C-alpha atoms as a PDB file:
ATOM      1  CA  MET A   1    -111.477 178.658  -8.584  1.00  0.00           C
ATOM      2  CA  ASP A   2    -108.914 181.859  -8.327  1.00  0.00           C
ATOM      3  CA  ASN A   3    -109.942 185.077  -7.167  1.00  0.00           C
ATOM      4  CA  ARG A   4    -110.069 186.852 -10.645  1.00  0.00           C
ATOM      5  CA  THR A   5    -112.834 184.354 -11.462  1.00  0.00           C
ATOM      6  CA  PHE A   6    -114.537 186.155  -8.321  1.00  0.00           C
ATOM      7  CA  MET A   7    -113.678 189.682  -9.538  1.00  0.00           C
ATOM      8  CA  GLY A   8    -115.238 188.868 -13.079  1.00  0.00           C
ATOM      9  CA  LEU A   9    -118.290 187.680 -11.313  1.00  0.00           C
ATOM     10  CA  LEU A  10    -118.453 190.565  -9.120  1.00  0.00           C
ATOM     11  CA  ALA A  11    -117.778 193.094 -12.094  1.00  0.00           C
ATOM     12  CA  VAL A  12    -120.839 191.367 -14.052  1.00  0.00           C
ATOM     13  CA  THR A  13    -123.371 191.274 -11.253  1.00  0.00           C
ATOM     14  CA  PRO A  14    -125.792 194.468 -11.924  1.00  0.00           C
ATOM     15  CA  PRO A  15    -126.082 197.058  -9.153  1.00  0.00           C
ATOM     16  CA  THR A  16    -128.937 196.380  -6.704  1.00  0.00           C
ATOM     17  CA  ASP A  17    -130.729 199.527  -7.385  1.00  0.00           C
ATOM     18  CA  LEU A  18    -133.581 197.451  -8.566  1.00  0.00           C
ATOM     19  CA  LYS A  19    -136.655 199.245 -10.358  1.00  0.00           C
ATOM     20  CA  ILE A  20    -138.863 196.603  -9.322  1.00  0.00           C
ATOM     21  CA  THR A  21    -138.872 197.540  -5.893  1.00  0.00           C
ATOM     22  CA  GLU A  22    -139.683 201.305  -6.562  1.00  0.00           C
ATOM     23  CA  LEU A  23    -142.521 200.311  -8.953  1.00  0.00           C
ATOM     24  CA  THR A  24    -144.097 197.753  -6.831  1.00  0.00           C
ATOM     25  CA  ALA A  25    -144.495 200.569  -3.875  1.00  0.00           C
ATOM     26  CA  GLU A  26    -145.682 202.849  -6.738  1.00  0.00           C
ATOM     27  CA  LEU A  27    -148.379 200.558  -7.751  1.00  0.00           C
ATOM     28  CA  THR A  28    -149.449 199.289  -4.350  1.00  0.00           C
ATOM     29  CA  ARG A  29    -152.565 200.530  -3.073  1.00  0.00           C
ATOM     30  CA  PRO A  30    -152.871 201.928   0.440  1.00  0.00           C
ATOM     31  CA  ASP A  31    -154.814 198.523   1.470  1.00  0.00           C
ATOM     32  CA  GLY A  32    -151.400 196.516   0.392  1.00  0.00           C
ATOM     33  CA  SER A  33    -153.212 195.261  -2.878  1.00  0.00           C
ATOM     34  CA  LEU A  34    -151.762 195.813  -6.473  1.00  0.00           C
ATOM     35  CA  ASP A  35    -153.272 198.691  -8.447  1.00  0.00           C
ATOM     36  CA  LEU A  36    -153.616 196.464 -11.571  1.00  0.00           C
ATOM     37  CA  ASP A  37    -155.134 198.889 -13.728  1.00  0.00           C
ATOM     38  CA  ALA A  38    -151.871 201.182 -12.689  1.00  0.00           C
ATOM     39  CA  ALA A  39    -149.916 198.261 -13.645  1.00  0.00           C
ATOM     40  CA  ALA A  40    -151.574 197.562 -17.043  1.00  0.00           C
ATOM     41  CA  ALA A  41    -151.014 201.377 -17.803  1.00  0.00           C
ATOM     42  CA  ARG A  42    -147.126 200.891 -16.934  1.00  0.00           C
ATOM     43  CA  GLN A  43    -146.544 197.418 -18.906  1.00  0.00           C
ATOM     44  CA  LYS A  44    -143.610 198.297 -20.369  1.00  0.00           C
ATOM     45  CA  ASP A  45    -141.990 199.510 -17.093  1.00  0.00           C
ATOM     46  CA  VAL A  46    -142.840 196.408 -15.192  1.00  0.00           C
ATOM     47  CA  GLU A  47    -141.502 194.377 -17.663  1.00  0.00           C
ATOM     48  CA  MET A  48    -138.116 196.166 -17.639  1.00  0.00           C
ATOM     49  CA  ALA A  49    -138.233 196.006 -14.077  1.00  0.00           C
ATOM     50  CA  CYS A  50    -138.770 192.654 -13.739  1.00  0.00           C
ATOM     51  CA  ALA A  51    -136.009 191.669 -16.818  1.00  0.00           C
ATOM     52  CA  GLN A  52    -133.484 193.446 -14.489  1.00  0.00           C
ATOM     53  CA  ALA A  53    -134.773 191.955 -11.562  1.00  0.00           C
ATOM     54  CA  GLN A  54    -134.084 188.384 -13.348  1.00  0.00           C
ATOM     55  CA  ASP A  55    -130.738 189.344 -14.641  1.00  0.00           C
ATOM     56  CA  TYR A  56    -129.745 190.343 -11.089  1.00  0.00           C
ATOM     57  CA  ALA A  57    -131.130 186.766  -9.809  1.00  0.00           C
ATOM     58  CA  SER A  58    -129.087 184.915 -12.227  1.00  0.00           C
ATOM     59  CA  ALA A  59    -125.866 187.013 -11.806  1.00  0.00           C
ATOM     60  CA  THR A  60    -126.188 186.568  -8.285  1.00  0.00           C
ATOM     61  CA  GLY A  61    -126.858 182.989  -8.558  1.00  0.00           C
ATOM     62  CA  ARG A  62    -123.837 182.447 -10.585  1.00  0.00           C
ATOM     63  CA  LEU A  63    -121.861 184.254  -7.696  1.00  0.00           C
ATOM     64  CA  LYS A  64    -123.654 182.363  -5.214  1.00  0.00           C
ATOM     65  CA  GLU A  65    -122.479 178.960  -6.951  1.00  0.00           C
ATOM     66  CA  ALA A  66    -119.040 179.799  -7.375  1.00  0.00           C
ATOM     67  CA  LEU A  67    -118.693 180.485  -3.908  1.00  0.00           C
ATOM     68  CA  ARG A  68    -120.161 177.592  -2.840  1.00  0.00           C
ATOM     69  CA  TRP A  69    -117.954 175.537  -5.444  1.00  0.00           C
ATOM     70  CA  ARG A  70    -114.914 177.410  -3.393  1.00  0.00           C
ATOM     71  CA  LEU A  71    -115.845 176.605  -0.194  1.00  0.00           C
ATOM     72  CA  ARG A  72    -117.180 173.126  -0.938  1.00  0.00           C
ATOM     73  CA  PRO A  73    -115.040 170.503   1.734  1.00  0.00           C
ATOM     74  CA  ARG A  74    -112.494 168.529  -0.576  1.00  0.00           C
ATOM     75  CA  ARG A  75    -111.571 165.278  -0.078  1.00  0.00           C
ATOM     76  CA  SER A  76    -107.524 164.682   0.215  1.00  0.00           C
END
């Protein structure tokens, strides 16, 4: 795998500004529990944040596997 492949994988990896982090903070009560009523009222936001997080996880997973493949020991 060449450097251009890594650059391509990096280019398609979404930014790390994940909405799920901010949204979770907004939907968490002071006691640490999730406000299910507030989450239900913002269902569309929750679904979009989850999809964004999944996209990020998939992209970084591909990058991780590419890096592992590149660094794996080779037999001579």
